[in-house]
């Protein structure tokens, strides 16, 4: 039995472009991959430590949400901080 895949708008546009043969390979792929890997590594390098005190209740809630996401809670907390300082954290209330 085949499972139907759900795509968001951007993914659907990419799939349609691929199927239509509209996507073309880029030149010097090896160098471009090397450059992008370097940029990604520099972007996610964790070179500073942050120690904070929070309530037990907040920590348990943070750990529960991280478990739902399937990632360690410290990684989840770092991701939240990163999204906040870059203006990508959306208040859902």
Protein backbone atom coordinates (compact mmCIF):
# COMPACT_ATOMS: atom_id res chain seq x y z
CA UNK A 1 0.00 0.00 0.00
CA UNK A 2 1.43 3.36 -1.03
CA UNK A 3 1.33 6.19 1.51
CA UNK A 4 0.39 9.59 0.12
CA UNK A 5 3.01 12.20 1.00
CA UNK A 6 1.84 15.64 2.09
CA UNK A 7 3.93 18.56 0.88
CA UNK A 8 3.83 22.18 1.95
CA UNK A 9 3.57 24.82 -0.79
CA UNK A 10 7.34 25.24 -1.26
CA UNK A 11 7.97 21.49 -1.33
CA UNK A 12 5.18 21.00 -3.86
CA UNK A 13 6.70 23.66 -6.13
CA UNK A 14 10.07 21.89 -5.95
CA UNK A 15 8.56 18.48 -6.73
CA UNK A 16 6.66 19.91 -9.68
CA UNK A 17 9.77 21.68 -11.00
CA UNK A 18 11.77 18.45 -10.66
CA UNK A 19 9.15 16.39 -12.45
CA UNK A 20 8.90 19.01 -15.23
CA UNK A 21 12.68 18.92 -15.75
CA UNK A 22 12.96 22.60 -14.90
CA UNK A 23 15.77 22.15 -12.36
CA UNK A 24 19.32 22.37 -13.70
CA UNK A 25 22.57 21.30 -11.99
CA UNK A 26 24.83 24.01 -10.64
CA UNK A 27 28.44 24.38 -11.75
CA UNK A 28 31.34 23.37 -9.50
CA UNK A 29 29.14 21.36 -7.15
CA UNK A 30 32.02 19.99 -5.06
CA UNK A 31 33.30 23.48 -4.19
CA UNK A 32 29.82 24.79 -3.48
CA UNK A 33 29.11 21.88 -1.11
CA UNK A 34 32.42 22.48 0.67
CA UNK A 35 31.65 26.19 1.04
CA UNK A 36 28.14 25.55 2.37
CA UNK A 37 29.34 22.91 4.82
CA UNK A 38 31.88 25.40 6.18
CA UNK A 39 29.23 28.06 6.58
CA UNK A 40 26.87 25.61 8.32
CA UNK A 41 29.57 24.44 10.72
CA UNK A 42 30.50 28.02 11.62
CA UNK A 43 26.83 28.92 12.13
CA UNK A 44 26.17 26.12 14.57
CA UNK A 45 29.48 26.09 16.44
CA UNK A 46 28.78 26.14 20.14
CA UNK A 47 31.69 28.02 21.64
CA UNK A 48 30.08 29.65 24.70
CA UNK A 49 28.47 28.33 27.85
CA UNK A 50 25.30 29.69 29.48
CA UNK A 51 24.25 28.72 33.00
CA UNK A 52 20.80 29.78 34.17
CA UNK A 53 18.50 28.99 37.06
CA UNK A 54 14.86 28.25 36.26
CA UNK A 55 11.96 26.83 38.24
CA UNK A 56 11.56 23.07 38.51
CA UNK A 57 8.16 23.39 36.88
CA UNK A 58 9.57 25.22 33.85
CA UNK A 59 12.41 22.69 33.53
CA UNK A 60 9.99 19.76 33.62
CA UNK A 61 7.81 21.45 30.99
CA UNK A 62 10.86 22.14 28.83
CA UNK A 63 11.99 18.53 29.13
CA UNK A 64 8.49 17.27 28.25
CA UNK A 65 8.32 19.47 25.13
CA UNK A 66 11.81 18.36 24.09
CA UNK A 67 10.74 14.74 24.50
CA UNK A 68 7.74 15.40 22.23
CA UNK A 69 10.15 16.85 19.64
CA UNK A 70 12.48 13.87 20.07
CA UNK A 71 15.57 15.92 20.97
CA UNK A 72 17.61 16.48 24.15
CA UNK A 73 16.17 19.27 26.30
CA UNK A 74 19.39 21.32 26.26
CA UNK A 75 19.40 21.23 22.45
CA UNK A 76 15.73 22.24 22.50
CA UNK A 77 16.47 25.16 24.86
CA UNK A 78 19.37 26.33 22.68
CA UNK A 79 17.11 26.13 19.63
CA UNK A 80 14.46 28.27 21.34
CA UNK A 81 17.04 30.89 22.27
CA UNK A 82 18.44 30.90 18.74
CA UNK A 83 14.99 31.38 17.23
CA UNK A 84 14.16 34.16 19.70
CA UNK A 85 17.31 36.23 19.14
CA UNK A 86 16.88 35.90 15.36
CA UNK A 87 13.22 36.98 15.46
CA UNK A 88 11.87 33.61 14.34
CA UNK A 89 10.09 32.60 17.54
CA UNK A 90 6.35 33.10 17.09
CA UNK A 91 4.06 33.58 20.08
CA UNK A 92 1.22 31.08 19.71
CA UNK A 93 -1.13 32.61 22.27
